[in-house]
C-alpha atoms as a PDB file:
ATOM      1  CA  UNK A   1     -52.019 -18.658  32.233  1.00  0.00           C
ATOM      2  CA  UNK A   2     -49.132 -19.061  34.711  1.00  0.00           C
ATOM      3  CA  UNK A   3     -46.292 -16.568  34.728  1.00  0.00           C
ATOM      4  CA  UNK A   4     -43.372 -18.778  33.683  1.00  0.00           C
ATOM      5  CA  UNK A   5     -40.938 -15.933  34.292  1.00  0.00           C
ATOM      6  CA  UNK A   6     -41.870 -15.290  37.916  1.00  0.00           C
ATOM      7  CA  UNK A   7     -38.840 -15.713  40.219  1.00  0.00           C
ATOM      8  CA  UNK A   8     -40.601 -18.530  42.092  1.00  0.00           C
ATOM      9  CA  UNK A   9     -41.144 -20.482  38.879  1.00  0.00           C
ATOM     10  CA  UNK A  10     -37.739 -19.676  37.380  1.00  0.00           C
ATOM     11  CA  UNK A  11     -36.051 -20.885  40.587  1.00  0.00           C
ATOM     12  CA  UNK A  12     -37.510 -24.352  40.005  1.00  0.00           C
ATOM     13  CA  UNK A  13     -35.993 -24.615  36.544  1.00  0.00           C
ATOM     14  CA  UNK A  14     -32.785 -26.603  36.744  1.00  0.00           C
ATOM     15  CA  UNK A  15     -29.789 -25.202  34.872  1.00  0.00           C
ATOM     16  CA  UNK A  16     -29.012 -21.582  34.149  1.00  0.00           C
ATOM     17  CA  UNK A  17     -29.003 -22.224  30.400  1.00  0.00           C
ATOM     18  CA  UNK A  18     -32.643 -23.375  30.521  1.00  0.00           C
ATOM     19  CA  UNK A  19     -33.560 -20.493  32.815  1.00  0.00           C
ATOM     20  CA  UNK A  20     -31.919 -18.090  30.382  1.00  0.00           C
ATOM     21  CA  UNK A  21     -33.986 -19.393  27.472  1.00  0.00           C
ATOM     22  CA  UNK A  22     -37.188 -19.044  29.519  1.00  0.00           C
ATOM     23  CA  UNK A  23     -36.383 -15.497  30.596  1.00  0.00           C
ATOM     24  CA  UNK A  24     -35.296 -14.332  27.128  1.00  0.00           C
ATOM     25  CA  UNK A  25     -38.409 -15.863  25.599  1.00  0.00           C
ATOM     26  CA  UNK A  26     -40.521 -13.808  27.985  1.00  0.00           C
ATOM     27  CA  UNK A  27     -38.431 -10.734  27.330  1.00  0.00           C
ATOM     28  CA  UNK A  28     -38.827 -11.003  23.549  1.00  0.00           C
ATOM     29  CA  UNK A  29     -42.563 -11.685  23.804  1.00  0.00           C
ATOM     30  CA  UNK A  30     -42.992  -8.608  25.978  1.00  0.00           C
ATOM     31  CA  UNK A  31     -41.061  -6.250  23.705  1.00  0.00           C
ATOM     32  CA  UNK A  32     -42.921  -4.283  21.036  1.00  0.00           C
ATOM     33  CA  UNK A  33     -40.012  -4.866  18.684  1.00  0.00           C
ATOM     34  CA  UNK A  34     -37.356  -7.564  18.841  1.00  0.00           C
ATOM     35  CA  UNK A  35     -33.717  -6.475  19.161  1.00  0.00           C
ATOM     36  CA  UNK A  36     -31.898  -6.096  15.852  1.00  0.00           C
ATOM     37  CA  UNK A  37     -30.197  -9.295  14.846  1.00  0.00           C
ATOM     38  CA  UNK A  38     -27.221  -9.791  12.571  1.00  0.00           C
ATOM     39  CA  UNK A  39     -23.549  -8.987  12.525  1.00  0.00           C
ATOM     40  CA  UNK A  40     -21.218  -6.917  10.413  1.00  0.00           C
ATOM     41  CA  UNK A  41     -19.475  -9.031   7.793  1.00  0.00           C
ATOM     42  CA  UNK A  42     -18.227  -6.281   5.490  1.00  0.00           C
ATOM     43  CA  UNK A  43     -15.262  -7.562   3.484  1.00  0.00           C
ATOM     44  CA  UNK A  44     -12.113  -5.465   3.852  1.00  0.00           C
ATOM     45  CA  UNK A  45      -9.192  -7.180   2.116  1.00  0.00           C
ATOM     46  CA  UNK A  46      -7.212 -10.349   1.443  1.00  0.00           C
ATOM     47  CA  UNK A  47      -3.926 -11.147   3.116  1.00  0.00           C
ATOM     48  CA  UNK A  48      -1.597 -14.081   2.700  1.00  0.00           C
ATOM     49  CA  UNK A  49      -2.191 -17.033   5.018  1.00  0.00           C
ATOM     50  CA  UNK A  50       0.231 -17.515   7.908  1.00  0.00           C
ATOM     51  CA  UNK A  51       0.490 -20.512  10.223  1.00  0.00           C
ATOM     52  CA  UNK A  52      -2.089 -20.289  12.988  1.00  0.00           C
ATOM     53  CA  UNK A  53      -4.811 -18.537  10.935  1.00  0.00           C
ATOM     54  CA  UNK A  54      -8.277 -20.060  11.054  1.00  0.00           C
ATOM     55  CA  UNK A  55      -8.588 -22.174   7.849  1.00  0.00           C
ATOM     56  CA  UNK A  56     -12.316 -21.442   7.755  1.00  0.00           C
ATOM     57  CA  UNK A  57     -11.463 -17.965   6.438  1.00  0.00           C
ATOM     58  CA  UNK A  58      -9.423 -19.238   3.484  1.00  0.00           C
ATOM     59  CA  UNK A  59     -10.634 -17.973   0.108  1.00  0.00           C
ATOM     60  CA  UNK A  60     -10.683 -21.104  -2.045  1.00  0.00           C
ATOM     61  CA  UNK A  61     -11.634 -19.198  -5.199  1.00  0.00           C
ATOM     62  CA  UNK A  62      -8.433 -17.148  -4.935  1.00  0.00           C
ATOM     63  CA  UNK A  63      -6.491 -20.358  -4.247  1.00  0.00           C
ATOM     64  CA  UNK A  64      -7.902 -21.910  -7.444  1.00  0.00           C
ATOM     65  CA  UNK A  65      -6.644 -18.956  -9.485  1.00  0.00           C
ATOM     66  CA  UNK A  66      -3.261 -18.333  -7.828  1.00  0.00           C
ATOM     67  CA  UNK A  67      -2.359 -21.620  -6.145  1.00  0.00           C
ATOM     68  CA  UNK A  68      -1.674 -19.578  -3.000  1.00  0.00           C
ATOM     69  CA  UNK A  69      -3.523 -19.410   0.315  1.00  0.00           C
ATOM     70  CA  UNK A  70      -5.198 -16.102   1.211  1.00  0.00           C
ATOM     71  CA  UNK A  71      -7.332 -15.181   4.210  1.00  0.00           C
ATOM     72  CA  UNK A  72     -10.459 -13.042   3.894  1.00  0.00           C
ATOM     73  CA  UNK A  73     -10.481 -10.197   6.455  1.00  0.00           C
ATOM     74  CA  UNK A  74     -13.591  -8.361   7.580  1.00  0.00           C
ATOM     75  CA  UNK A  75     -14.188  -5.025   9.270  1.00  0.00           C
ATOM     76  CA  UNK A  76     -15.861  -6.666  12.215  1.00  0.00           C
ATOM     77  CA  UNK A  77     -17.172 -10.113  12.946  1.00  0.00           C
ATOM     78  CA  UNK A  78     -19.408  -9.072  15.820  1.00  0.00           C
ATOM     79  CA  UNK A  79     -21.481  -6.026  16.717  1.00  0.00           C
ATOM     80  CA  UNK A  80     -20.238  -5.848  20.265  1.00  0.00           C
ATOM     81  CA  UNK A  81     -17.807  -7.381  22.741  1.00  0.00           C
ATOM     82  CA  UNK A  82     -19.426  -7.589  26.172  1.00  0.00           C
ATOM     83  CA  UNK A  83     -17.905  -8.760  29.457  1.00  0.00           C
ATOM     84  CA  UNK A  84     -20.367  -9.788  32.159  1.00  0.00           C
ATOM     85  CA  UNK A  85     -18.785  -9.335  35.590  1.00  0.00           C
ATOM     86  CA  UNK A  86     -20.547 -11.269  38.367  1.00  0.00           C
ATOM     87  CA  UNK A  87     -20.030 -10.791  42.111  1.00  0.00           C
ATOM     88  CA  UNK A  88     -19.516 -14.147  43.877  1.00  0.00           C
ATOM     89  CA  UNK A  89     -18.843 -12.829  47.383  1.00  0.00           C
ATOM     90  CA  UNK A  90     -20.582 -14.192  50.481  1.00  0.00           C
ATOM     91  CA  UNK A  91     -23.077 -11.329  50.747  1.00  0.00           C
ATOM     92  CA  UNK A  92     -24.548 -12.398  47.390  1.00  0.00           C
ATOM     93  CA  UNK A  93     -25.688 -15.673  48.971  1.00  0.00           C
ATOM     94  CA  UNK A  94     -28.297 -13.840  51.065  1.00  0.00           C
ATOM     95  CA  UNK A  95     -31.859 -15.007  50.522  1.00  0.00           C
ATOM     96  CA  UNK A  96     -34.767 -13.492  52.405  1.00  0.00           C
ATOM     97  CA  UNK A  97     -38.294 -14.703  51.797  1.00  0.00           C
ATOM     98  CA  UNK A  98     -37.887 -14.839  48.024  1.00  0.00           C
ATOM     99  CA  UNK A  99     -37.462 -17.844  45.770  1.00  0.00           C
ATOM    100  CA  UNK A 100     -33.839 -17.093  44.880  1.00  0.00           C
ATOM    101  CA  UNK A 101     -30.765 -15.729  46.582  1.00  0.00           C
ATOM    102  CA  UNK A 102     -29.111 -12.626  45.171  1.00  0.00           C
ATOM    103  CA  UNK A 103     -26.439 -14.845  43.642  1.00  0.00           C
ATOM    104  CA  UNK A 104     -28.956 -17.161  41.955  1.00  0.00           C
ATOM    105  CA  UNK A 105     -30.858 -14.160  40.633  1.00  0.00           C
ATOM    106  CA  UNK A 106     -27.625 -12.546  39.438  1.00  0.00           C
ATOM    107  CA  UNK A 107     -26.534 -15.780  37.722  1.00  0.00           C
ATOM    108  CA  UNK A 108     -29.877 -16.070  35.973  1.00  0.00           C
ATOM    109  CA  UNK A 109     -29.679 -12.437  34.876  1.00  0.00           C
ATOM    110  CA  UNK A 110     -26.108 -12.969  33.609  1.00  0.00           C
ATOM    111  CA  UNK A 111     -27.067 -16.089  31.652  1.00  0.00           C
ATOM    112  CA  UNK A 112     -30.151 -14.374  30.232  1.00  0.00           C
ATOM    113  CA  UNK A 113     -28.233 -11.313  29.057  1.00  0.00           C
ATOM    114  CA  UNK A 114     -25.512 -13.504  27.547  1.00  0.00           C
ATOM    115  CA  UNK A 115     -28.087 -15.607  25.727  1.00  0.00           C
ATOM    116  CA  UNK A 116     -29.778 -12.472  24.371  1.00  0.00           C
ATOM    117  CA  UNK A 117     -26.460 -11.021  23.198  1.00  0.00           C
ATOM    118  CA  UNK A 118     -25.517 -14.259  21.472  1.00  0.00           C
ATOM    119  CA  UNK A 119     -28.839 -14.208  19.612  1.00  0.00           C
ATOM    120  CA  UNK A 120     -27.676 -10.831  18.301  1.00  0.00           C
ATOM    121  CA  UNK A 121     -24.391 -12.458  17.210  1.00  0.00           C
ATOM    122  CA  UNK A 122     -22.440 -10.419  19.773  1.00  0.00           C
ATOM    123  CA  UNK A 123     -19.390 -11.718  21.639  1.00  0.00           C
ATOM    124  CA  UNK A 124     -19.839 -12.370  25.366  1.00  0.00           C
ATOM    125  CA  UNK A 125     -17.294 -13.107  28.077  1.00  0.00           C
ATOM    126  CA  UNK A 126     -17.570 -13.634  31.829  1.00  0.00           C
ATOM    127  CA  UNK A 127     -15.619 -12.651  34.913  1.00  0.00           C
ATOM    128  CA  UNK A 128     -16.440 -14.096  38.345  1.00  0.00           C
ATOM    129  CA  UNK A 129     -14.987 -12.270  41.352  1.00  0.00           C
ATOM    130  CA  UNK A 130     -15.075 -11.856  45.115  1.00  0.00           C
ATOM    131  CA  UNK A 131     -11.951 -10.469  46.813  1.00  0.00           C
ATOM    132  CA  UNK A 132     -10.107 -11.315  43.604  1.00  0.00           C
ATOM    133  CA  UNK A 133     -10.933 -12.495  40.104  1.00  0.00           C
ATOM    134  CA  UNK A 134     -11.887 -16.179  40.385  1.00  0.00           C
ATOM    135  CA  UNK A 135     -12.387 -16.956  36.699  1.00  0.00           C
ATOM    136  CA  UNK A 136     -11.941 -14.950  33.521  1.00  0.00           C
ATOM    137  CA  UNK A 137     -13.552 -16.171  30.280  1.00  0.00           C
ATOM    138  CA  UNK A 138     -12.714 -13.942  27.281  1.00  0.00           C
ATOM    139  CA  UNK A 139     -15.505 -12.770  24.994  1.00  0.00           C
ATOM    140  CA  UNK A 140     -16.560 -15.004  22.104  1.00  0.00           C
ATOM    141  CA  UNK A 141     -19.678 -15.203  19.928  1.00  0.00           C
ATOM    142  CA  UNK A 142     -20.210 -18.931  20.469  1.00  0.00           C
ATOM    143  CA  UNK A 143     -22.728 -20.946  22.435  1.00  0.00           C
ATOM    144  CA  UNK A 144     -19.959 -23.327  23.499  1.00  0.00           C
ATOM    145  CA  UNK A 145     -18.442 -20.400  25.412  1.00  0.00           C
ATOM    146  CA  UNK A 146     -21.865 -19.764  26.939  1.00  0.00           C
ATOM    147  CA  UNK A 147     -22.113 -23.407  28.034  1.00  0.00           C
ATOM    148  CA  UNK A 148     -18.658 -23.185  29.625  1.00  0.00           C
ATOM    149  CA  UNK A 149     -19.683 -20.063  31.573  1.00  0.00           C
ATOM    150  CA  UNK A 150     -22.947 -21.659  32.709  1.00  0.00           C
ATOM    151  CA  UNK A 151     -21.082 -24.745  33.925  1.00  0.00           C
ATOM    152  CA  UNK A 152     -18.696 -22.477  35.854  1.00  0.00           C
ATOM    153  CA  UNK A 153     -21.586 -20.578  37.477  1.00  0.00           C
ATOM    154  CA  UNK A 154     -23.305 -23.784  38.518  1.00  0.00           C
ATOM    155  CA  UNK A 155     -20.181 -24.862  40.401  1.00  0.00           C
ATOM    156  CA  UNK A 156     -19.525 -21.592  42.263  1.00  0.00           C
ATOM    157  CA  UNK A 157     -20.379 -21.249  45.940  1.00  0.00           C
ATOM    158  CA  UNK A 158     -20.284 -17.637  47.173  1.00  0.00           C
ATOM    159  CA  UNK A 159     -18.126 -17.459  50.265  1.00  0.00           C
ATOM    160  CA  UNK A 160     -15.331 -14.879  50.296  1.00  0.00           C
ATOM    161  CA  UNK A 161     -15.189 -11.191  51.143  1.00  0.00           C
ATOM    162  CA  UNK A 162     -15.944  -8.443  48.653  1.00  0.00           C
ATOM    163  CA  UNK A 163     -13.104  -6.325  47.276  1.00  0.00           C
ATOM    164  CA  UNK A 164     -14.891  -4.850  44.279  1.00  0.00           C
ATOM    165  CA  UNK A 165     -12.378  -2.136  43.437  1.00  0.00           C
ATOM    166  CA  UNK A 166      -9.381  -4.475  43.229  1.00  0.00           C
ATOM    167  CA  UNK A 167     -11.348  -7.003  41.201  1.00  0.00           C
ATOM    168  CA  UNK A 168     -12.631  -4.411  38.725  1.00  0.00           C
ATOM    169  CA  UNK A 169      -9.116  -3.027  38.215  1.00  0.00           C
ATOM    170  CA  UNK A 170      -7.921  -6.557  37.418  1.00  0.00           C
ATOM    171  CA  UNK A 171     -10.840  -7.066  35.023  1.00  0.00           C
ATOM    172  CA  UNK A 172     -10.000  -3.901  33.095  1.00  0.00           C
ATOM    173  CA  UNK A 173      -6.445  -5.093  32.523  1.00  0.00           C
ATOM    174  CA  UNK A 174      -7.751  -8.107  30.548  1.00  0.00           C
ATOM    175  CA  UNK A 175      -9.523  -6.145  27.811  1.00  0.00           C
ATOM    176  CA  UNK A 176      -7.778  -5.806  24.468  1.00  0.00           C
ATOM    177  CA  UNK A 177     -10.303  -3.383  22.922  1.00  0.00           C
ATOM    178  CA  UNK A 178     -13.158  -1.149  23.936  1.00  0.00           C
ATOM    179  CA  UNK A 179     -16.033  -3.219  25.247  1.00  0.00           C
ATOM    180  CA  UNK A 180     -19.295  -3.089  27.078  1.00  0.00           C
ATOM    181  CA  UNK A 181     -19.071  -4.167  30.720  1.00  0.00           C
ATOM    182  CA  UNK A 182     -22.116  -5.383  32.658  1.00  0.00           C
ATOM    183  CA  UNK A 183     -21.414  -5.557  36.397  1.00  0.00           C
ATOM    184  CA  UNK A 184     -23.878  -7.633  38.446  1.00  0.00           C
ATOM    185  CA  UNK A 185     -23.372  -7.136  42.175  1.00  0.00           C
ATOM    186  CA  UNK A 186     -24.990  -6.061  45.421  1.00  0.00           C
ATOM    187  CA  UNK A 187     -22.163  -3.486  45.668  1.00  0.00           C
ATOM    188  CA  UNK A 188     -21.852  -3.973  49.432  1.00  0.00           C
ATOM    189  CA  UNK A 189     -18.473  -2.318  49.597  1.00  0.00           C
ATOM    190  CA  UNK A 190     -17.119   1.184  50.126  1.00  0.00           C
ATOM    191  CA  UNK A 191     -17.791   3.395  47.115  1.00  0.00           C
ATOM    192  CA  UNK A 192     -14.260   4.840  47.022  1.00  0.00           C
ATOM    193  CA  UNK A 193     -12.496   1.571  46.022  1.00  0.00           C
ATOM    194  CA  UNK A 194     -15.361   0.758  43.629  1.00  0.00           C
ATOM    195  CA  UNK A 195     -14.796   4.165  42.034  1.00  0.00           C
ATOM    196  CA  UNK A 196     -11.116   3.400  41.466  1.00  0.00           C
ATOM    197  CA  UNK A 197     -12.004   0.300  39.484  1.00  0.00           C
ATOM    198  CA  UNK A 198     -14.718   2.168  37.576  1.00  0.00           C
ATOM    199  CA  UNK A 199     -12.310   4.961  36.709  1.00  0.00           C
ATOM    200  CA  UNK A 200     -10.169   2.383  34.871  1.00  0.00           C
ATOM    201  CA  UNK A 201     -13.135   1.450  32.684  1.00  0.00           C
ATOM    202  CA  UNK A 202     -13.904   5.117  32.006  1.00  0.00           C
ATOM    203  CA  UNK A 203     -10.295   5.956  31.148  1.00  0.00           C
ATOM    204  CA  UNK A 204     -10.124   3.035  28.688  1.00  0.00           C
ATOM    205  CA  UNK A 205     -13.373   4.084  27.004  1.00  0.00           C
ATOM    206  CA  UNK A 206     -15.563   1.133  28.009  1.00  0.00           C
ATOM    207  CA  UNK A 207     -19.343   1.396  28.264  1.00  0.00           C
ATOM    208  CA  UNK A 208     -20.587   0.210  31.660  1.00  0.00           C
ATOM    209  CA  UNK A 209     -23.955  -0.981  32.941  1.00  0.00           C
ATOM    210  CA  UNK A 210     -24.228  -1.684  36.690  1.00  0.00           C
ATOM    211  CA  UNK A 211     -27.021  -3.989  37.853  1.00  0.00           C
ATOM    212  CA  UNK A 212     -27.434  -3.562  41.589  1.00  0.00           C
ATOM    213  CA  UNK A 213     -29.040  -6.741  42.986  1.00  0.00           C
ATOM    214  CA  UNK A 214     -30.981  -6.459  46.250  1.00  0.00           C
ATOM    215  CA  UNK A 215     -33.274  -8.667  48.302  1.00  0.00           C
ATOM    216  CA  UNK A 216     -36.619  -7.023  49.191  1.00  0.00           C
ATOM    217  CA  UNK A 217     -35.867  -7.453  52.901  1.00  0.00           C
ATOM    218  CA  UNK A 218     -32.670  -5.433  52.450  1.00  0.00           C
ATOM    219  CA  UNK A 219     -34.723  -2.644  50.904  1.00  0.00           C
ATOM    220  CA  UNK A 220     -37.427  -2.469  53.610  1.00  0.00           C
ATOM    221  CA  UNK A 221     -35.661  -3.970  56.677  1.00  0.00           C
ATOM    222  CA  UNK A 222     -38.953  -5.003  58.363  1.00  0.00           C
ATOM    223  CA  UNK A 223     -37.349  -6.991  61.217  1.00  0.00           C
ATOM    224  CA  UNK A 224     -38.300  -6.453  64.859  1.00  0.00           C
ATOM    225  CA  UNK A 225     -38.090  -8.180  68.234  1.00  0.00           C
ATOM    226  CA  UNK A 226     -35.078  -9.736  70.015  1.00  0.00           C
ATOM    227  CA  UNK A 227     -32.834 -11.134  67.310  1.00  0.00           C
ATOM    228  CA  UNK A 228     -29.349 -12.234  66.399  1.00  0.00           C
ATOM    229  CA  UNK A 229     -28.247 -10.575  63.166  1.00  0.00           C
ATOM    230  CA  UNK A 230     -25.671 -12.784  61.488  1.00  0.00           C
ATOM    231  CA  UNK A 231     -23.023 -10.748  59.736  1.00  0.00           C
ATOM    232  CA  UNK A 232     -21.554 -11.970  56.465  1.00  0.00           C
ATOM    233  CA  UNK A 233     -17.996 -11.658  55.250  1.00  0.00           C
ATOM    234  CA  UNK A 234     -16.514 -11.871  58.774  1.00  0.00           C
ATOM    235  CA  UNK A 235     -18.677  -9.027  60.075  1.00  0.00           C
ATOM    236  CA  UNK A 236     -19.625 -10.914  63.239  1.00  0.00           C
ATOM    237  CA  UNK A 237     -23.045 -11.257  64.910  1.00  0.00           C
ATOM    238  CA  UNK A 238     -25.156  -8.654  66.696  1.00  0.00           C
ATOM    239  CA  UNK A 239     -27.774  -9.291  69.413  1.00  0.00           C
ATOM    240  CA  UNK A 240     -30.380  -6.543  69.215  1.00  0.00           C
ATOM    241  CA  UNK A 241     -33.903  -5.500  68.342  1.00  0.00           C
ATOM    242  CA  UNK A 242     -33.510  -4.656  64.609  1.00  0.00           C
ATOM    243  CA  UNK A 243     -36.295  -2.092  64.777  1.00  0.00           C
ATOM    244  CA  UNK A 244     -33.976   0.085  66.897  1.00  0.00           C
ATOM    245  CA  UNK A 245     -31.578   0.261  63.947  1.00  0.00           C
ATOM    246  CA  UNK A 246     -34.069   0.424  61.080  1.00  0.00           C
ATOM    247  CA  UNK A 247     -33.945   4.181  60.547  1.00  0.00           C
ATOM    248  CA  UNK A 248     -30.138   4.300  60.790  1.00  0.00           C
ATOM    249  CA  UNK A 249     -29.822   1.321  58.421  1.00  0.00           C
ATOM    250  CA  UNK A 250     -32.172   2.778  55.796  1.00  0.00           C
ATOM    251  CA  UNK A 251     -30.456   6.178  55.927  1.00  0.00           C
ATOM    252  CA  UNK A 252     -27.034   4.531  55.556  1.00  0.00           C
ATOM    253  CA  UNK A 253     -28.261   2.394  52.669  1.00  0.00           C
ATOM    254  CA  UNK A 254     -29.759   5.358  50.848  1.00  0.00           C
ATOM    255  CA  UNK A 255     -26.573   7.355  51.351  1.00  0.00           C
ATOM    256  CA  UNK A 256     -24.544   4.506  49.848  1.00  0.00           C
ATOM    257  CA  UNK A 257     -26.941   4.281  46.878  1.00  0.00           C
ATOM    258  CA  UNK A 258     -26.725   8.021  46.295  1.00  0.00           C
ATOM    259  CA  UNK A 259     -22.920   7.822  46.274  1.00  0.00           C
ATOM    260  CA  UNK A 260     -23.165   5.015  43.713  1.00  0.00           C
ATOM    261  CA  UNK A 261     -25.582   7.055  41.589  1.00  0.00           C
ATOM    262  CA  UNK A 262     -23.316  10.103  41.732  1.00  0.00           C
ATOM    263  CA  UNK A 263     -20.265   8.047  40.739  1.00  0.00           C
ATOM    264  CA  UNK A 264     -22.109   6.532  37.768  1.00  0.00           C
ATOM    265  CA  UNK A 265     -23.456   9.920  36.642  1.00  0.00           C
ATOM    266  CA  UNK A 266     -19.974  11.406  36.825  1.00  0.00           C
ATOM    267  CA  UNK A 267     -18.531   8.606  34.722  1.00  0.00           C
ATOM    268  CA  UNK A 268     -21.598   8.471  32.432  1.00  0.00           C
ATOM    269  CA  UNK A 269     -22.316   4.868  33.359  1.00  0.00           C
ATOM    270  CA  UNK A 270     -25.784   3.342  33.796  1.00  0.00           C
ATOM    271  CA  UNK A 271     -27.008   2.024  37.153  1.00  0.00           C
ATOM    272  CA  UNK A 272     -30.208   0.023  37.704  1.00  0.00           C
ATOM    273  CA  UNK A 273     -31.462  -1.681  40.844  1.00  0.00           C
ATOM    274  CA  UNK A 274     -33.076  -5.119  40.536  1.00  0.00           C
ATOM    275  CA  UNK A 275     -34.846  -6.791  43.457  1.00  0.00           C
ATOM    276  CA  UNK A 276     -35.024 -10.563  43.542  1.00  0.00           C
ATOM    277  CA  UNK A 277     -38.852 -10.595  43.638  1.00  0.00           C
ATOM    278  CA  UNK A 278     -39.071  -8.921  40.215  1.00  0.00           C
ATOM    279  CA  UNK A 279     -39.718 -11.191  37.191  1.00  0.00           C
ATOM    280  CA  UNK A 280     -36.477 -11.137  35.222  1.00  0.00           C
ATOM    281  CA  UNK A 281     -38.052 -10.645  31.798  1.00  0.00           C
ATOM    282  CA  UNK A 282     -39.729  -7.480  33.112  1.00  0.00           C
ATOM    283  CA  UNK A 283     -36.533  -6.309  34.814  1.00  0.00           C
ATOM    284  CA  UNK A 284     -34.390  -6.784  31.687  1.00  0.00           C
ATOM    285  CA  UNK A 285     -36.966  -5.101  29.466  1.00  0.00           C
ATOM    286  CA  UNK A 286     -37.074  -2.073  31.786  1.00  0.00           C
ATOM    287  CA  UNK A 287     -33.279  -1.789  31.975  1.00  0.00           C
ATOM    288  CA  UNK A 288     -32.706  -2.096  28.228  1.00  0.00           C
ATOM    289  CA  UNK A 289     -35.599   0.174  27.248  1.00  0.00           C
ATOM    290  CA  UNK A 290     -34.363   2.815  29.683  1.00  0.00           C
ATOM    291  CA  UNK A 291     -30.931   2.662  28.036  1.00  0.00           C
ATOM    292  CA  UNK A 292     -32.543   2.981  24.638  1.00  0.00           C
ATOM    293  CA  UNK A 293     -34.507   6.090  25.632  1.00  0.00           C
ATOM    294  CA  UNK A 294     -31.427   7.726  27.158  1.00  0.00           C
ATOM    295  CA  UNK A 295     -29.534   7.599  23.879  1.00  0.00           C
END
């Protein structure tokens, strides 16, 4: 039986909404127990209707008795408000020997998580950023919102520099209540400005999950022989034998990862690394189960 959730297969599926359904299907099949579905609809009180209220919440039984319009209010209409924050900078366009670039993998992960959350009746929003916030879509528990976000993703071309800290600070200013924030990025930026943006989330009481996307070639750096290394985000090009720099590169990368891990531990945020050769249903199951066991 073919693995329909393998990155090579998923990359051939046109449309992130279809990819999301495929990945979530695999995720749910692989779980021992499906995520809890349903939303809180506990009635709290009536209040008199004012212009601008959603007429769907009118209580027609009360109207029949009183000849007045009253709105039904509930404690909460969704279990969770989640903002998915996706890095659209040029470095995310990197694609080694895998079937998808980091950006394509990140988009598919974002769409899959959003689709899963909507199945749970949770509200999902999206933020797309590079050196600034490109697009902000507030959280809503509707599939029309999901379709709008997918259409936006399909029309984005990564191409600008990364300024993660500034973008995250701007994202935090948009939230009206405590939320969950899922940041999908390669985090190729200095940790200090990233930390400033993360501190805003921590101060405001948001729960944060960081998904660090990497290409397998970035992890192993197996290159050798006379080469021209093309730098992204205006980094310039370098003529060299990459094997001369392999040890320095891997040490620098590990140091950066350790700084990211320390920052997330300090702020009590979760950090998981996903490589683009990993089937997404497996990757999501591992991330979410790990969060479950840590609670």
